[in-house]
Structures are given as C-alpha cells and as structure tokens.
PDB file of N, CA and C in Angstrom:
ATOM      1  N   MET A   1     -49.888  26.920  26.468  1.00  0.00           N
ATOM      2  CA  MET A   1     -49.323  25.629  26.946  1.00  0.00           C
ATOM      3  C   MET A   1     -49.011  24.584  25.744  1.00  0.00           C
ATOM      4  N   LYS A   2     -49.894  24.692  24.792  1.00  0.00           N
ATOM      5  CA  LYS A   2     -49.600  23.776  23.612  1.00  0.00           C
ATOM      6  C   LYS A   2     -48.458  24.320  22.825  1.00  0.00           C
ATOM      7  N   ASP A   3     -48.387  25.656  22.689  1.00  0.00           N
ATOM      8  CA  ASP A   3     -47.346  26.313  21.944  1.00  0.00           C
ATOM      9  C   ASP A   3     -46.037  26.018  22.616  1.00  0.00           C
ATOM     10  N   ASP A   4     -45.897  26.007  23.810  1.00  0.00           N
ATOM     11  CA  ASP A   4     -44.624  25.790  24.599  1.00  0.00           C
ATOM     12  C   ASP A   4     -44.154  24.336  24.276  1.00  0.00           C
ATOM     13  N   LYS A   5     -45.049  23.440  24.308  1.00  0.00           N
ATOM     14  CA  LYS A   5     -44.721  21.993  23.983  1.00  0.00           C
ATOM     15  C   LYS A   5     -44.311  21.897  22.674  1.00  0.00           C
ATOM     16  N   LYS A   6     -44.837  22.504  21.657  1.00  0.00           N
ATOM     17  CA  LYS A   6     -44.511  22.424  20.256  1.00  0.00           C
ATOM     18  C   LYS A   6     -43.123  23.105  20.109  1.00  0.00           C
ATOM     19  N   LYS A   7     -42.966  24.167  20.711  1.00  0.00           N
ATOM     20  CA  LYS A   7     -41.558  24.829  20.595  1.00  0.00           C
ATOM     21  C   LYS A   7     -40.465  23.832  21.243  1.00  0.00           C
ATOM     22  N   HIS A   8     -40.758  23.251  22.303  1.00  0.00           N
ATOM     23  CA  HIS A   8     -39.836  22.363  22.860  1.00  0.00           C
ATOM     24  C   HIS A   8     -39.516  21.169  21.865  1.00  0.00           C
ATOM     25  N   LEU A   9     -40.500  20.675  21.330  1.00  0.00           N
ATOM     26  CA  LEU A   9     -40.328  19.386  20.302  1.00  0.00           C
ATOM     27  C   LEU A   9     -39.601  19.925  19.090  1.00  0.00           C
ATOM     28  N   ASP A  10     -39.790  21.154  18.569  1.00  0.00           N
ATOM     29  CA  ASP A  10     -39.106  21.605  17.417  1.00  0.00           C
ATOM     30  C   ASP A  10     -37.603  21.914  17.727  1.00  0.00           C
ATOM     31  N   SER A  11     -37.334  22.364  19.033  1.00  0.00           N
ATOM     32  CA  SER A  11     -35.878  22.558  19.408  1.00  0.00           C
ATOM     33  C   SER A  11     -35.216  21.229  19.479  1.00  0.00           C
ATOM     34  N   GLU A  12     -35.930  20.185  20.002  1.00  0.00           N
ATOM     35  CA  GLU A  12     -35.276  18.893  20.143  1.00  0.00           C
ATOM     36  C   GLU A  12     -35.064  18.326  18.728  1.00  0.00           C
ATOM     37  N   ARG A  13     -36.032  18.520  17.842  1.00  0.00           N
ATOM     38  CA  ARG A  13     -35.802  18.011  16.499  1.00  0.00           C
ATOM     39  C   ARG A  13     -34.562  18.618  15.732  1.00  0.00           C
ATOM     40  N   ARG A  14     -34.445  19.946  15.917  1.00  0.00           N
ATOM     41  CA  ARG A  14     -33.362  20.657  15.372  1.00  0.00           C
ATOM     42  C   ARG A  14     -32.073  20.210  15.923  1.00  0.00           C
ATOM     43  N   ARG A  15     -31.938  20.021  17.191  1.00  0.00           N
ATOM     44  CA  ARG A  15     -30.752  19.541  17.813  1.00  0.00           C
ATOM     45  C   ARG A  15     -30.435  18.177  17.358  1.00  0.00           C
ATOM     46  N   PHE A  16     -31.424  17.227  17.202  1.00  0.00           N
ATOM     47  CA  PHE A  16     -31.218  15.873  16.624  1.00  0.00           C
ATOM     48  C   PHE A  16     -30.530  15.959  15.258  1.00  0.00           C
ATOM     49  N   ILE A  17     -31.158  16.846  14.426  1.00  0.00           N
ATOM     50  CA  ILE A  17     -30.751  16.973  13.002  1.00  0.00           C
ATOM     51  C   ILE A  17     -29.396  17.451  12.965  1.00  0.00           C
ATOM     52  N   LYS A  18     -29.137  18.515  13.673  1.00  0.00           N
ATOM     53  CA  LYS A  18     -27.771  18.973  13.729  1.00  0.00           C
ATOM     54  C   LYS A  18     -26.685  18.020  14.177  1.00  0.00           C
ATOM     55  N   GLY A  19     -26.965  17.284  15.245  1.00  0.00           N
ATOM     56  CA  GLY A  19     -26.157  16.255  15.723  1.00  0.00           C
ATOM     57  C   GLY A  19     -25.908  15.193  14.671  1.00  0.00           C
ATOM     58  N   SER A  20     -27.011  14.751  13.892  1.00  0.00           N
ATOM     59  CA  SER A  20     -26.809  13.768  12.882  1.00  0.00           C
ATOM     60  C   SER A  20     -25.962  14.292  11.732  1.00  0.00           C
ATOM     61  N   LEU A  21     -26.189  15.533  11.422  1.00  0.00           N
ATOM     62  CA  LEU A  21     -25.318  16.128  10.366  1.00  0.00           C
ATOM     63  C   LEU A  21     -23.876  16.143  10.759  1.00  0.00           C
ATOM     64  N   VAL A  22     -23.541  16.566  12.000  1.00  0.00           N
ATOM     65  CA  VAL A  22     -22.131  16.709  12.394  1.00  0.00           C
ATOM     66  C   VAL A  22     -21.603  15.317  12.462  1.00  0.00           C
ATOM     67  N   THR A  23     -22.356  14.284  12.875  1.00  0.00           N
ATOM     68  CA  THR A  23     -21.814  12.894  12.983  1.00  0.00           C
ATOM     69  C   THR A  23     -21.538  12.399  11.522  1.00  0.00           C
ATOM     70  N   GLY A  24     -22.412  12.662  10.571  1.00  0.00           N
ATOM     71  CA  GLY A  24     -22.284  12.175   9.228  1.00  0.00           C
ATOM     72  C   GLY A  24     -20.973  12.868   8.567  1.00  0.00           C
ATOM     73  N   VAL A  25     -20.778  14.048   8.823  1.00  0.00           N
ATOM     74  CA  VAL A  25     -19.670  14.724   8.287  1.00  0.00           C
ATOM     75  C   VAL A  25     -18.345  14.238   8.855  1.00  0.00           C
ATOM     76  N   GLY A  26     -18.372  13.972  10.162  1.00  0.00           N
ATOM     77  CA  GLY A  26     -17.242  13.432  10.799  1.00  0.00           C
ATOM     78  C   GLY A  26     -16.981  12.006  10.313  1.00  0.00           C
ATOM     79  N   VAL A  27     -17.881  11.181  10.048  1.00  0.00           N
ATOM     80  CA  VAL A  27     -17.638   9.845   9.612  1.00  0.00           C
ATOM     81  C   VAL A  27     -17.098   9.979   8.084  1.00  0.00           C
ATOM     82  N   ALA A  28     -17.719  10.826   7.285  1.00  0.00           N
ATOM     83  CA  ALA A  28     -17.184  10.940   5.904  1.00  0.00           C
ATOM     84  C   ALA A  28     -15.804  11.401   5.977  1.00  0.00           C
ATOM     85  N   ALA A  29     -15.326  12.390   6.796  1.00  0.00           N
ATOM     86  CA  ALA A  29     -14.022  12.898   6.834  1.00  0.00           C
ATOM     87  C   ALA A  29     -13.020  11.739   7.286  1.00  0.00           C
ATOM     88  N   ALA A  30     -13.539  10.934   8.297  1.00  0.00           N
ATOM     89  CA  ALA A  30     -12.607   9.914   8.676  1.00  0.00           C
ATOM     90  C   ALA A  30     -12.458   8.868   7.639  1.00  0.00           C
ATOM     91  N   ALA A  31     -13.463   8.603   6.922  1.00  0.00           N
ATOM     92  CA  ALA A  31     -13.319   7.641   5.767  1.00  0.00           C
ATOM     93  C   ALA A  31     -12.384   8.123   4.682  1.00  0.00           C
ATOM     94  N   VAL A  32     -12.373   9.375   4.363  1.00  0.00           N
ATOM     95  CA  VAL A  32     -11.528   9.938   3.277  1.00  0.00           C
ATOM     96  C   VAL A  32     -10.153  10.172   3.788  1.00  0.00           C
ATOM     97  N   ALA A  33      -9.883  10.576   5.048  1.00  0.00           N
ATOM     98  CA  ALA A  33      -8.604  11.043   5.426  1.00  0.00           C
ATOM     99  C   ALA A  33      -7.434   9.926   5.274  1.00  0.00           C
ATOM    100  N   PRO A  34      -7.708   8.696   5.749  1.00  0.00           N
ATOM    101  CA  PRO A  34      -6.546   7.749   5.639  1.00  0.00           C
ATOM    102  C   PRO A  34      -6.130   7.487   4.218  1.00  0.00           C
ATOM    103  N   GLY A  35      -7.073   7.558   3.204  1.00  0.00           N
ATOM    104  CA  GLY A  35      -6.599   7.377   1.805  1.00  0.00           C
ATOM    105  C   GLY A  35      -5.726   8.517   1.408  1.00  0.00           C
ATOM    106  N   ALA A  36      -6.058   9.799   1.779  1.00  0.00           N
ATOM    107  CA  ALA A  36      -5.239  10.895   1.381  1.00  0.00           C
ATOM    108  C   ALA A  36      -3.945  10.818   1.982  1.00  0.00           C
ATOM    109  N   VAL A  37      -3.770  10.414   3.275  1.00  0.00           N
ATOM    110  CA  VAL A  37      -2.491  10.313   3.959  1.00  0.00           C
ATOM    111  C   VAL A  37      -1.617   9.208   3.278  1.00  0.00           C
ATOM    112  N   MET A  38      -2.152   8.091   2.880  1.00  0.00           N
ATOM    113  CA  MET A  38      -1.502   7.052   2.301  1.00  0.00           C
ATOM    114  C   MET A  38      -0.962   7.411   0.908  1.00  0.00           C
ATOM    115  N   ALA A  39      -1.824   8.142   0.195  1.00  0.00           N
ATOM    116  CA  ALA A  39      -1.369   8.586  -1.189  1.00  0.00           C
ATOM    117  C   ALA A  39      -0.258   9.533  -1.068  1.00  0.00           C
ATOM    118  N   SER A  40      -0.342  10.454  -0.076  1.00  0.00           N
ATOM    119  CA  SER A  40       0.801  11.423  -0.027  1.00  0.00           C
ATOM    120  C   SER A  40       2.026  10.726   0.416  1.00  0.00           C
ATOM    121  N   ASP A  41       1.951   9.759   1.199  1.00  0.00           N
ATOM    122  CA  ASP A  41       3.231   8.952   1.643  1.00  0.00           C
ATOM    123  C   ASP A  41       3.859   8.378   0.486  1.00  0.00           C
ATOM    124  N   ASP A  42       3.143   7.759  -0.324  1.00  0.00           N
ATOM    125  CA  ASP A  42       3.718   7.038  -1.481  1.00  0.00           C
ATOM    126  C   ASP A  42       4.311   7.946  -2.497  1.00  0.00           C
ATOM    127  N   GLU A  43       3.788   9.143  -2.737  1.00  0.00           N
ATOM    128  CA  GLU A  43       4.291  10.076  -3.690  1.00  0.00           C
ATOM    129  C   GLU A  43       5.534  10.828  -3.097  1.00  0.00           C
ATOM    130  N   SER A  44       5.568  11.079  -1.819  1.00  0.00           N
ATOM    131  CA  SER A  44       6.692  11.746  -1.208  1.00  0.00           C
ATOM    132  C   SER A  44       7.983  10.985  -1.097  1.00  0.00           C
ATOM    133  N   SER A  45       7.929   9.721  -1.017  1.00  0.00           N
ATOM    134  CA  SER A  45       9.145   8.878  -0.913  1.00  0.00           C
ATOM    135  C   SER A  45      10.055   8.913  -2.107  1.00  0.00           C
ATOM    136  N   GLY A  46       9.541   8.970  -3.221  1.00  0.00           N
ATOM    137  CA  GLY A  46      10.270   9.134  -4.434  1.00  0.00           C
ATOM    138  C   GLY A  46      11.213   7.903  -4.785  1.00  0.00           C
ATOM    139  N   GLN A  47      11.102   6.874  -4.028  1.00  0.00           N
ATOM    140  CA  GLN A  47      11.893   5.716  -4.201  1.00  0.00           C
ATOM    141  C   GLN A  47      10.954   4.591  -4.636  1.00  0.00           C
ATOM    142  N   THR A  48      11.524   3.704  -5.477  1.00  0.00           N
ATOM    143  CA  THR A  48      10.710   2.538  -5.868  1.00  0.00           C
ATOM    144  C   THR A  48      10.973   1.424  -4.867  1.00  0.00           C
ATOM    145  N   LYS A  49       9.829   0.954  -4.340  1.00  0.00           N
ATOM    146  CA  LYS A  49      10.017  -0.106  -3.280  1.00  0.00           C
ATOM    147  C   LYS A  49       9.648  -1.423  -3.952  1.00  0.00           C
ATOM    148  N   THR A  50      10.361  -2.571  -3.545  1.00  0.00           N
ATOM    149  CA  THR A  50      10.002  -3.752  -4.039  1.00  0.00           C
ATOM    150  C   THR A  50       8.783  -4.258  -3.386  1.00  0.00           C
ATOM    151  N   GLN A  51       7.848  -4.812  -4.193  1.00  0.00           N
ATOM    152  CA  GLN A  51       6.531  -5.205  -3.607  1.00  0.00           C
ATOM    153  C   GLN A  51       6.649  -6.490  -2.979  1.00  0.00           C
ATOM    154  N   LYS A  52       6.120  -6.714  -1.805  1.00  0.00           N
ATOM    155  CA  LYS A  52       6.161  -7.933  -1.107  1.00  0.00           C
ATOM    156  C   LYS A  52       4.746  -8.400  -1.072  1.00  0.00           C
ATOM    157  N   GLY A  53       4.622  -9.787  -0.971  1.00  0.00           N
ATOM    158  CA  GLY A  53       3.284 -10.317  -0.913  1.00  0.00           C
ATOM    159  C   GLY A  53       2.638 -10.614  -2.260  1.00  0.00           C
ATOM    160  N   TYR A  54       1.390 -10.398  -2.342  1.00  0.00           N
ATOM    161  CA  TYR A  54       0.695 -10.848  -3.612  1.00  0.00           C
ATOM    162  C   TYR A  54       1.033 -10.048  -4.770  1.00  0.00           C
ATOM    163  N   ARG A  55       1.396 -10.679  -5.841  1.00  0.00           N
ATOM    164  CA  ARG A  55       1.696  -9.944  -7.146  1.00  0.00           C
ATOM    165  C   ARG A  55       0.893 -10.541  -8.163  1.00  0.00           C
ATOM    166  N   LEU A  56       0.456  -9.728  -9.150  1.00  0.00           N
ATOM    167  CA  LEU A  56      -0.311 -10.179 -10.261  1.00  0.00           C
ATOM    168  C   LEU A  56       0.626 -10.469 -11.450  1.00  0.00           C
ATOM    169  N   THR A  57       1.123 -11.729 -11.487  1.00  0.00           N
ATOM    170  CA  THR A  57       2.149 -12.111 -12.519  1.00  0.00           C
ATOM    171  C   THR A  57       1.327 -12.750 -13.781  1.00  0.00           C
ATOM    172  N   PRO A  58       2.056 -12.874 -14.821  1.00  0.00           N
ATOM    173  CA  PRO A  58       1.393 -13.552 -16.025  1.00  0.00           C
ATOM    174  C   PRO A  58       0.888 -14.914 -15.720  1.00  0.00           C
ATOM    175  N   HIS A  59       1.499 -15.810 -14.904  1.00  0.00           N
ATOM    176  CA  HIS A  59       0.936 -17.034 -14.694  1.00  0.00           C
ATOM    177  C   HIS A  59      -0.345 -17.089 -13.869  1.00  0.00           C
ATOM    178  N   ILE A  60      -0.439 -16.061 -12.936  1.00  0.00           N
ATOM    179  CA  ILE A  60      -1.532 -15.849 -12.184  1.00  0.00           C
ATOM    180  C   ILE A  60      -2.794 -15.378 -13.008  1.00  0.00           C
ATOM    181  N   LEU A  61      -2.496 -14.434 -13.980  1.00  0.00           N
ATOM    182  CA  LEU A  61      -3.453 -13.989 -14.857  1.00  0.00           C
ATOM    183  C   LEU A  61      -4.035 -15.103 -15.719  1.00  0.00           C
ATOM    184  N   GLN A  62      -3.120 -16.017 -16.139  1.00  0.00           N
ATOM    185  CA  GLN A  62      -3.575 -17.210 -16.937  1.00  0.00           C
ATOM    186  C   GLN A  62      -4.482 -18.117 -16.139  1.00  0.00           C
ATOM    187  N   TYR A  63      -4.071 -18.262 -14.879  1.00  0.00           N
ATOM    188  CA  TYR A  63      -5.006 -19.061 -13.995  1.00  0.00           C
ATOM    189  C   TYR A  63      -6.317 -18.445 -13.888  1.00  0.00           C
ATOM    190  N   TYR A  64      -6.430 -17.151 -13.658  1.00  0.00           N
ATOM    191  CA  TYR A  64      -7.783 -16.457 -13.627  1.00  0.00           C
ATOM    192  C   TYR A  64      -8.581 -16.636 -14.856  1.00  0.00           C
ATOM    193  N   LYS A  65      -7.844 -16.603 -15.970  1.00  0.00           N
ATOM    194  CA  LYS A  65      -8.628 -16.826 -17.278  1.00  0.00           C
ATOM    195  C   LYS A  65      -9.220 -18.188 -17.363  1.00  0.00           C
ATOM    196  N   THR A  66      -8.498 -19.180 -16.930  1.00  0.00           N
ATOM    197  CA  THR A  66      -8.963 -20.600 -16.995  1.00  0.00           C
ATOM    198  C   THR A  66     -10.111 -20.813 -16.055  1.00  0.00           C
ATOM    199  N   THR A  67     -10.084 -20.127 -14.860  1.00  0.00           N
ATOM    200  CA  THR A  67     -11.158 -20.371 -13.899  1.00  0.00           C
ATOM    201  C   THR A  67     -12.430 -19.581 -14.228  1.00  0.00           C
ATOM    202  N   ALA A  68     -12.284 -18.559 -14.997  1.00  0.00           N
ATOM    203  CA  ALA A  68     -13.401 -17.751 -15.361  1.00  0.00           C
ATOM    204  C   ALA A  68     -14.359 -18.289 -16.344  1.00  0.00           C
ATOM    205  N   SER A  69     -13.873 -19.329 -17.199  1.00  0.00           N
ATOM    206  CA  SER A  69     -14.625 -19.990 -18.216  1.00  0.00           C
ATOM    207  C   SER A  69     -15.267 -21.188 -17.722  1.00  0.00           C
TER     208      SER A  69
END
C-alpha cells in the first residue's frame, strides 16, 4: 500500500515537472519569436524608410549631456 502511494506521488511529480518544462520552453519561444520576425521584415524590405517619431539628434544629445551633470 505504501509503495502504491509513493509511485502515485512520483508520477504526479514527473507530470508537474514535464508540464513546467514545456511551459517554460513555450514562453521562451514566444519571447524570442517576435524579435526574429521584426528583424527579418526590416532586412527584407531593402528600402530606407524615413523615421517618424523620436529621433536622437545633436541638440537632444546636448540636452542629455547637460542633465547628466
């Protein structure tokens, strides 16, 4: 009777560890995949796009230098 209970607990632990491993691999793959897709989109276009929004220009760099000191 005691051996049956131990075997049952061991199988539950193994199932939990396998499930955790699969979940971790899935999360890691999901975190890496969007970056790979975005990088391939930028390289495949071959055209230079004008950047919209925030740009690091010389006067902004100068501002950052003055606020750092």
